[in-house]
């Protein structure tokens, strides 16, 4: 995860968010609330929002700045 990307993940029976390289910020009862709370921050910062499934695998990625992939189209 590049420096400053936003991540939503499940830990300690709660959904949490963090900015890459920092401690978690906020706990939420549902995944949807955690995503909603930080999606705008990712947009404002122009970074990627990585949303993990409960098992830790990446379920979704949304890029709100320069797309790090070198894919045309």
PDB file of N, CA and C in Angstrom:
ATOM      1  N   UNK A   1       0.847  -1.162   0.000  1.00  0.00           N
ATOM      2  CA  UNK A   1       0.000   0.000   0.000  1.00  0.00           C
ATOM      3  C   UNK A   1       0.899   1.234   0.000  1.00  0.00           C
ATOM      4  N   UNK A   2       0.769   2.113  -0.964  1.00  0.00           N
ATOM      5  CA  UNK A   2       1.581   3.337  -0.983  1.00  0.00           C
ATOM      6  C   UNK A   2       1.279   4.234   0.213  1.00  0.00           C
ATOM      7  N   UNK A   3       2.240   5.033   0.580  1.00  0.00           N
ATOM      8  CA  UNK A   3       2.104   5.951   1.713  1.00  0.00           C
ATOM      9  C   UNK A   3       0.873   6.821   1.567  1.00  0.00           C
ATOM     10  N   UNK A   4       0.049   6.841   2.593  1.00  0.00           N
ATOM     11  CA  UNK A   4      -1.109   7.715   2.612  1.00  0.00           C
ATOM     12  C   UNK A   4      -2.411   7.128   2.118  1.00  0.00           C
ATOM     13  N   UNK A   5      -2.395   5.907   1.557  1.00  0.00           N
ATOM     14  CA  UNK A   5      -3.639   5.286   1.127  1.00  0.00           C
ATOM     15  C   UNK A   5      -4.526   5.025   2.337  1.00  0.00           C
ATOM     16  N   UNK A   6      -5.823   4.975   2.108  1.00  0.00           N
ATOM     17  CA  UNK A   6      -6.811   4.736   3.144  1.00  0.00           C
ATOM     18  C   UNK A   6      -7.215   3.263   3.089  1.00  0.00           C
ATOM     19  N   UNK A   7      -7.317   2.636   4.266  1.00  0.00           N
ATOM     20  CA  UNK A   7      -7.675   1.219   4.326  1.00  0.00           C
ATOM     21  C   UNK A   7      -8.806   1.002   5.320  1.00  0.00           C
ATOM     22  N   UNK A   8      -9.799   0.223   4.911  1.00  0.00           N
ATOM     23  CA  UNK A   8     -10.891  -0.216   5.776  1.00  0.00           C
ATOM     24  C   UNK A   8     -10.689  -1.706   5.995  1.00  0.00           C
ATOM     25  N   UNK A   9     -10.717  -2.137   7.264  1.00  0.00           N
ATOM     26  CA  UNK A   9     -10.414  -3.539   7.572  1.00  0.00           C
ATOM     27  C   UNK A   9     -11.137  -3.981   8.838  1.00  0.00           C
ATOM     28  N   UNK A  10     -11.176  -5.295   9.077  1.00  0.00           N
ATOM     29  CA  UNK A  10     -11.844  -5.887  10.232  1.00  0.00           C
ATOM     30  C   UNK A  10     -10.802  -6.391  11.208  1.00  0.00           C
ATOM     31  N   UNK A  11     -10.922  -5.968  12.472  1.00  0.00           N
ATOM     32  CA  UNK A  11     -10.006  -6.433  13.523  1.00  0.00           C
ATOM     33  C   UNK A  11     -10.689  -6.277  14.882  1.00  0.00           C
ATOM     34  N   UNK A  12     -10.422  -7.195  15.767  1.00  0.00           N
ATOM     35  CA  UNK A  12     -10.971  -7.124  17.124  1.00  0.00           C
ATOM     36  C   UNK A  12     -12.492  -6.972  17.130  1.00  0.00           C
ATOM     37  N   UNK A  13     -13.154  -7.713  16.249  1.00  0.00           N
ATOM     38  CA  UNK A  13     -14.617  -7.731  16.153  1.00  0.00           C
ATOM     39  C   UNK A  13     -15.241  -6.384  15.784  1.00  0.00           C
ATOM     40  N   UNK A  14     -14.472  -5.515  15.155  1.00  0.00           N
ATOM     41  CA  UNK A  14     -14.963  -4.204  14.735  1.00  0.00           C
ATOM     42  C   UNK A  14     -14.379  -3.878  13.362  1.00  0.00           C
ATOM     43  N   UNK A  15     -15.076  -3.014  12.626  1.00  0.00           N
ATOM     44  CA  UNK A  15     -14.534  -2.479  11.381  1.00  0.00           C
ATOM     45  C   UNK A  15     -13.789  -1.197  11.720  1.00  0.00           C
ATOM     46  N   UNK A  16     -12.611  -1.030  11.157  1.00  0.00           N
ATOM     47  CA  UNK A  16     -11.767   0.125  11.446  1.00  0.00           C
ATOM     48  C   UNK A  16     -11.208   0.701  10.157  1.00  0.00           C
ATOM     49  N   UNK A  17     -10.647   1.890  10.278  1.00  0.00           N
ATOM     50  CA  UNK A  17      -9.978   2.554   9.165  1.00  0.00           C
ATOM     51  C   UNK A  17      -8.611   3.016   9.624  1.00  0.00           C
ATOM     52  N   UNK A  18      -7.725   3.195   8.659  1.00  0.00           N
ATOM     53  CA  UNK A  18      -6.423   3.780   8.947  1.00  0.00           C
ATOM     54  C   UNK A  18      -5.852   4.361   7.666  1.00  0.00           C
ATOM     55  N   UNK A  19      -4.961   5.312   7.865  1.00  0.00           N
ATOM     56  CA  UNK A  19      -4.161   5.817   6.769  1.00  0.00           C
ATOM     57  C   UNK A  19      -2.870   5.038   6.818  1.00  0.00           C
ATOM     58  N   UNK A  20      -2.440   4.507   5.700  1.00  0.00           N
ATOM     59  CA  UNK A  20      -1.248   3.658   5.652  1.00  0.00           C
ATOM     60  C   UNK A  20      -0.109   4.312   6.414  1.00  0.00           C
ATOM     61  N   UNK A  21       0.498   3.527   7.286  1.00  0.00           N
ATOM     62  CA  UNK A  21       1.627   4.003   8.065  1.00  0.00           C
ATOM     63  C   UNK A  21       1.238   4.594   9.410  1.00  0.00           C
ATOM     64  N   UNK A  22      -0.068   4.619   9.719  1.00  0.00           N
ATOM     65  CA  UNK A  22      -0.543   5.201  10.969  1.00  0.00           C
ATOM     66  C   UNK A  22      -1.414   4.199  11.728  1.00  0.00           C
ATOM     67  N   UNK A  23      -1.680   4.506  12.969  1.00  0.00           N
ATOM     68  CA  UNK A  23      -2.561   3.676  13.791  1.00  0.00           C
ATOM     69  C   UNK A  23      -3.993   3.752  13.266  1.00  0.00           C
ATOM     70  N   UNK A  24      -4.800   2.776  13.666  1.00  0.00           N
ATOM     71  CA  UNK A  24      -6.199   2.790  13.242  1.00  0.00           C
ATOM     72  C   UNK A  24      -6.917   3.983  13.856  1.00  0.00           C
ATOM     73  N   UNK A  25      -7.932   4.433  13.141  1.00  0.00           N
ATOM     74  CA  UNK A  25      -8.734   5.556  13.592  1.00  0.00           C
ATOM     75  C   UNK A  25     -10.198   5.165  13.449  1.00  0.00           C
ATOM     76  N   UNK A  26     -10.907   5.169  14.527  1.00  0.00           N
ATOM     77  CA  UNK A  26     -12.341   4.905  14.487  1.00  0.00           C
ATOM     78  C   UNK A  26     -12.684   3.433  14.446  1.00  0.00           C
ATOM     79  N   UNK A  27     -13.751   3.104  15.148  1.00  0.00           N
ATOM     80  CA  UNK A  27     -14.316   1.762  15.130  1.00  0.00           C
ATOM     81  C   UNK A  27     -15.777   1.872  14.741  1.00  0.00           C
ATOM     82  N   UNK A  28     -16.225   0.924  13.934  1.00  0.00           N
ATOM     83  CA  UNK A  28     -17.585   0.951  13.419  1.00  0.00           C
ATOM     84  C   UNK A  28     -18.208  -0.431  13.564  1.00  0.00           C
ATOM     85  N   UNK A  29     -19.509  -0.463  13.779  1.00  0.00           N
ATOM     86  CA  UNK A  29     -20.228  -1.727  13.924  1.00  0.00           C
ATOM     87  C   UNK A  29     -20.375  -2.457  12.590  1.00  0.00           C
ATOM     88  N   UNK A  30     -20.456  -1.694  11.493  1.00  0.00           N
ATOM     89  CA  UNK A  30     -20.661  -2.327  10.190  1.00  0.00           C
ATOM     90  C   UNK A  30     -19.592  -1.886   9.187  1.00  0.00           C
ATOM     91  N   UNK A  31     -19.376  -2.730   8.213  1.00  0.00           N
ATOM     92  CA  UNK A  31     -18.433  -2.432   7.143  1.00  0.00           C
ATOM     93  C   UNK A  31     -18.899  -1.219   6.342  1.00  0.00           C
ATOM     94  N   UNK A  32     -20.192  -1.156   6.052  1.00  0.00           N
ATOM     95  CA  UNK A  32     -20.725  -0.042   5.266  1.00  0.00           C
ATOM     96  C   UNK A  32     -20.484   1.299   5.944  1.00  0.00           C
ATOM     97  N   UNK A  33     -20.649   1.368   7.254  1.00  0.00           N
ATOM     98  CA  UNK A  33     -20.412   2.636   7.969  1.00  0.00           C
ATOM     99  C   UNK A  33     -18.945   3.024   7.925  1.00  0.00           C
ATOM    100  N   UNK A  34     -18.063   2.044   8.068  1.00  0.00           N
ATOM    101  CA  UNK A  34     -16.623   2.325   8.022  1.00  0.00           C
ATOM    102  C   UNK A  34     -16.231   2.838   6.644  1.00  0.00           C
ATOM    103  N   UNK A  35     -16.762   2.221   5.599  1.00  0.00           N
ATOM    104  CA  UNK A  35     -16.461   2.652   4.221  1.00  0.00           C
ATOM    105  C   UNK A  35     -16.977   4.067   3.993  1.00  0.00           C
ATOM    106  N   UNK A  36     -18.218   4.303   4.375  1.00  0.00           N
ATOM    107  CA  UNK A  36     -18.830   5.611   4.179  1.00  0.00           C
ATOM    108  C   UNK A  36     -18.041   6.710   4.907  1.00  0.00           C
ATOM    109  N   UNK A  37     -17.558   6.386   6.078  1.00  0.00           N
ATOM    110  CA  UNK A  37     -16.848   7.374   6.887  1.00  0.00           C
ATOM    111  C   UNK A  37     -15.539   7.832   6.251  1.00  0.00           C
ATOM    112  N   UNK A  38     -14.908   6.974   5.455  1.00  0.00           N
ATOM    113  CA  UNK A  38     -13.575   7.310   4.943  1.00  0.00           C
ATOM    114  C   UNK A  38     -13.479   7.440   3.436  1.00  0.00           C
ATOM    115  N   UNK A  39     -14.510   7.121   2.707  1.00  0.00           N
ATOM    116  CA  UNK A  39     -14.452   7.243   1.248  1.00  0.00           C
ATOM    117  C   UNK A  39     -14.164   8.682   0.826  1.00  0.00           C
ATOM    118  N   UNK A  40     -14.832   9.646   1.449  1.00  0.00           N
ATOM    119  CA  UNK A  40     -14.604  11.051   1.097  1.00  0.00           C
ATOM    120  C   UNK A  40     -13.177  11.479   1.410  1.00  0.00           C
ATOM    121  N   UNK A  41     -12.597  10.954   2.493  1.00  0.00           N
ATOM    122  CA  UNK A  41     -11.211  11.294   2.822  1.00  0.00           C
ATOM    123  C   UNK A  41     -10.271  10.818   1.719  1.00  0.00           C
ATOM    124  N   UNK A  42     -10.495   9.616   1.214  1.00  0.00           N
ATOM    125  CA  UNK A  42      -9.666   9.102   0.123  1.00  0.00           C
ATOM    126  C   UNK A  42      -9.807   9.988  -1.114  1.00  0.00           C
ATOM    127  N   UNK A  43     -11.019  10.430  -1.402  1.00  0.00           N
ATOM    128  CA  UNK A  43     -11.253  11.327  -2.548  1.00  0.00           C
ATOM    129  C   UNK A  43     -10.514  12.646  -2.358  1.00  0.00           C
ATOM    130  N   UNK A  44     -10.650  13.239  -1.175  1.00  0.00           N
ATOM    131  CA  UNK A  44      -9.997  14.520  -0.888  1.00  0.00           C
ATOM    132  C   UNK A  44      -8.478  14.423  -0.991  1.00  0.00           C
ATOM    133  N   UNK A  45      -7.920  13.324  -0.520  1.00  0.00           N
ATOM    134  CA  UNK A  45      -6.471  13.136  -0.529  1.00  0.00           C
ATOM    135  C   UNK A  45      -5.949  12.688  -1.885  1.00  0.00           C
ATOM    136  N   UNK A  46      -6.846  12.207  -2.758  1.00  0.00           N
ATOM    137  CA  UNK A  46      -6.436  11.719  -4.072  1.00  0.00           C
ATOM    138  C   UNK A  46      -5.636  10.434  -3.974  1.00  0.00           C
ATOM    139  N   UNK A  47      -6.070   9.540  -3.077  1.00  0.00           N
ATOM    140  CA  UNK A  47      -5.360   8.286  -2.856  1.00  0.00           C
ATOM    141  C   UNK A  47      -6.290   7.101  -3.093  1.00  0.00           C
ATOM    142  N   UNK A  48      -5.775   5.922  -2.920  1.00  0.00           N
ATOM    143  CA  UNK A  48      -6.546   4.707  -3.092  1.00  0.00           C
ATOM    144  C   UNK A  48      -7.246   4.344  -1.781  1.00  0.00           C
ATOM    145  N   UNK A  49      -8.474   3.845  -1.882  1.00  0.00           N
ATOM    146  CA  UNK A  49      -9.211   3.330  -0.728  1.00  0.00           C
ATOM    147  C   UNK A  49      -9.263   1.813  -0.886  1.00  0.00           C
ATOM    148  N   UNK A  50      -8.575   1.130  -0.001  1.00  0.00           N
ATOM    149  CA  UNK A  50      -8.518  -0.332  -0.023  1.00  0.00           C
ATOM    150  C   UNK A  50      -9.504  -0.851   1.007  1.00  0.00           C
ATOM    151  N   UNK A  51     -10.436  -1.676   0.562  1.00  0.00           N
ATOM    152  CA  UNK A  51     -11.465  -2.223   1.434  1.00  0.00           C
ATOM    153  C   UNK A  51     -11.256  -3.724   1.527  1.00  0.00           C
ATOM    154  N   UNK A  52     -10.946  -4.174   2.726  1.00  0.00           N
ATOM    155  CA  UNK A  52     -10.669  -5.592   2.956  1.00  0.00           C
ATOM    156  C   UNK A  52     -11.928  -6.326   3.397  1.00  0.00           C
ATOM    157  N   UNK A  53     -11.983  -7.617   3.062  1.00  0.00           N
ATOM    158  CA  UNK A  53     -13.037  -8.491   3.558  1.00  0.00           C
ATOM    159  C   UNK A  53     -12.716  -8.856   4.997  1.00  0.00           C
ATOM    160  N   UNK A  54     -13.650  -9.473   5.655  1.00  0.00           N
ATOM    161  CA  UNK A  54     -13.458  -9.850   7.055  1.00  0.00           C
ATOM    162  C   UNK A  54     -12.264 -10.787   7.228  1.00  0.00           C
ATOM    163  N   UNK A  55     -11.951 -11.604   6.219  1.00  0.00           N
ATOM    164  CA  UNK A  55     -10.823 -12.528   6.312  1.00  0.00           C
ATOM    165  C   UNK A  55      -9.482 -11.876   5.973  1.00  0.00           C
ATOM    166  N   UNK A  56      -9.485 -10.585   5.667  1.00  0.00           N
ATOM    167  CA  UNK A  56      -8.244  -9.867   5.390  1.00  0.00           C
ATOM    168  C   UNK A  56      -7.888  -9.736   3.920  1.00  0.00           C
ATOM    169  N   UNK A  57      -8.563 -10.457   3.059  1.00  0.00           N
ATOM    170  CA  UNK A  57      -8.289 -10.341   1.628  1.00  0.00           C
ATOM    171  C   UNK A  57      -8.870  -9.028   1.101  1.00  0.00           C
ATOM    172  N   UNK A  58      -8.301  -8.525   0.025  1.00  0.00           N
ATOM    173  CA  UNK A  58      -8.799  -7.287  -0.559  1.00  0.00           C
ATOM    174  C   UNK A  58     -10.091  -7.576  -1.318  1.00  0.00           C
ATOM    175  N   UNK A  59     -11.145  -6.869  -0.932  1.00  0.00           N
ATOM    176  CA  UNK A  59     -12.436  -7.057  -1.571  1.00  0.00           C
ATOM    177  C   UNK A  59     -12.721  -6.012  -2.628  1.00  0.00           C
ATOM    178  N   UNK A  60     -12.161  -4.821  -2.446  1.00  0.00           N
ATOM    179  CA  UNK A  60     -12.422  -3.723  -3.372  1.00  0.00           C
ATOM    180  C   UNK A  60     -11.300  -2.699  -3.264  1.00  0.00           C
ATOM    181  N   UNK A  61     -11.000  -2.063  -4.377  1.00  0.00           N
ATOM    182  CA  UNK A  61     -10.031  -0.963  -4.414  1.00  0.00           C
ATOM    183  C   UNK A  61     -10.622   0.133  -5.265  1.00  0.00           C
ATOM    184  N   UNK A  62     -10.575   1.340  -4.747  1.00  0.00           N
ATOM    185  CA  UNK A  62     -11.044   2.498  -5.504  1.00  0.00           C
ATOM    186  C   UNK A  62      -9.925   3.520  -5.533  1.00  0.00           C
ATOM    187  N   UNK A  63      -9.562   3.957  -6.719  1.00  0.00           N
ATOM    188  CA  UNK A  63      -8.484   4.920  -6.876  1.00  0.00           C
ATOM    189  C   UNK A  63      -9.081   6.291  -7.152  1.00  0.00           C
ATOM    190  N   UNK A  64      -8.704   7.270  -6.348  1.00  0.00           N
ATOM    191  CA  UNK A  64      -9.243   8.621  -6.479  1.00  0.00           C
ATOM    192  C   UNK A  64      -8.178   9.624  -6.880  1.00  0.00           C
ATOM    193  N   UNK A  65      -7.066   9.156  -7.345  1.00  0.00           N
ATOM    194  CA  UNK A  65      -6.002  10.040  -7.801  1.00  0.00           C
ATOM    195  C   UNK A  65      -5.373   9.434  -9.028  1.00  0.00           C
ATOM    196  N   UNK A  66      -4.058   9.514  -9.102  1.00  0.00           N
ATOM    197  CA  UNK A  66      -3.332   8.888 -10.194  1.00  0.00           C
ATOM    198  C   UNK A  66      -3.449   7.379 -10.058  1.00  0.00           C
ATOM    199  N   UNK A  67      -3.914   6.716 -11.090  1.00  0.00           N
ATOM    200  CA  UNK A  67      -4.056   5.261 -11.071  1.00  0.00           C
ATOM    201  C   UNK A  67      -2.671   4.622 -11.093  1.00  0.00           C
ATOM    202  N   UNK A  68      -2.325   3.833 -10.064  1.00  0.00           N
ATOM    203  CA  UNK A  68      -0.997   3.245  -9.998  1.00  0.00           C
ATOM    204  C   UNK A  68      -0.751   2.132 -11.019  1.00  0.00           C
ATOM    205  N   UNK A  69      -1.827   1.628 -11.619  1.00  0.00           N
ATOM    206  CA  UNK A  69      -1.656   0.570 -12.614  1.00  0.00           C
ATOM    207  C   UNK A  69      -1.314   1.169 -13.966  1.00  0.00           C
ATOM    208  N   UNK A  70      -0.519   0.462 -14.725  1.00  0.00           N
ATOM    209  CA  UNK A  70      -0.151   0.914 -16.068  1.00  0.00           C
ATOM    210  C   UNK A  70      -1.017   0.184 -17.079  1.00  0.00           C
ATOM    211  N   UNK A  71      -2.323   0.463 -17.033  1.00  0.00           N
ATOM    212  CA  UNK A  71      -3.280  -0.214 -17.895  1.00  0.00           C
ATOM    213  C   UNK A  71      -4.019   0.832 -18.720  1.00  0.00           C
ATOM    214  N   UNK A  72      -4.029   0.636 -20.038  1.00  0.00           N
ATOM    215  CA  UNK A  72      -4.758   1.571 -20.894  1.00  0.00           C
ATOM    216  C   UNK A  72      -6.239   1.263 -20.829  1.00  0.00           C
ATOM    217  N   UNK A  73      -7.030   2.319 -20.981  1.00  0.00           N
ATOM    218  CA  UNK A  73      -8.475   2.139 -21.045  1.00  0.00           C
ATOM    219  C   UNK A  73      -9.085   2.537 -19.799  1.00  0.00           C
TER     220      UNK A  73
END
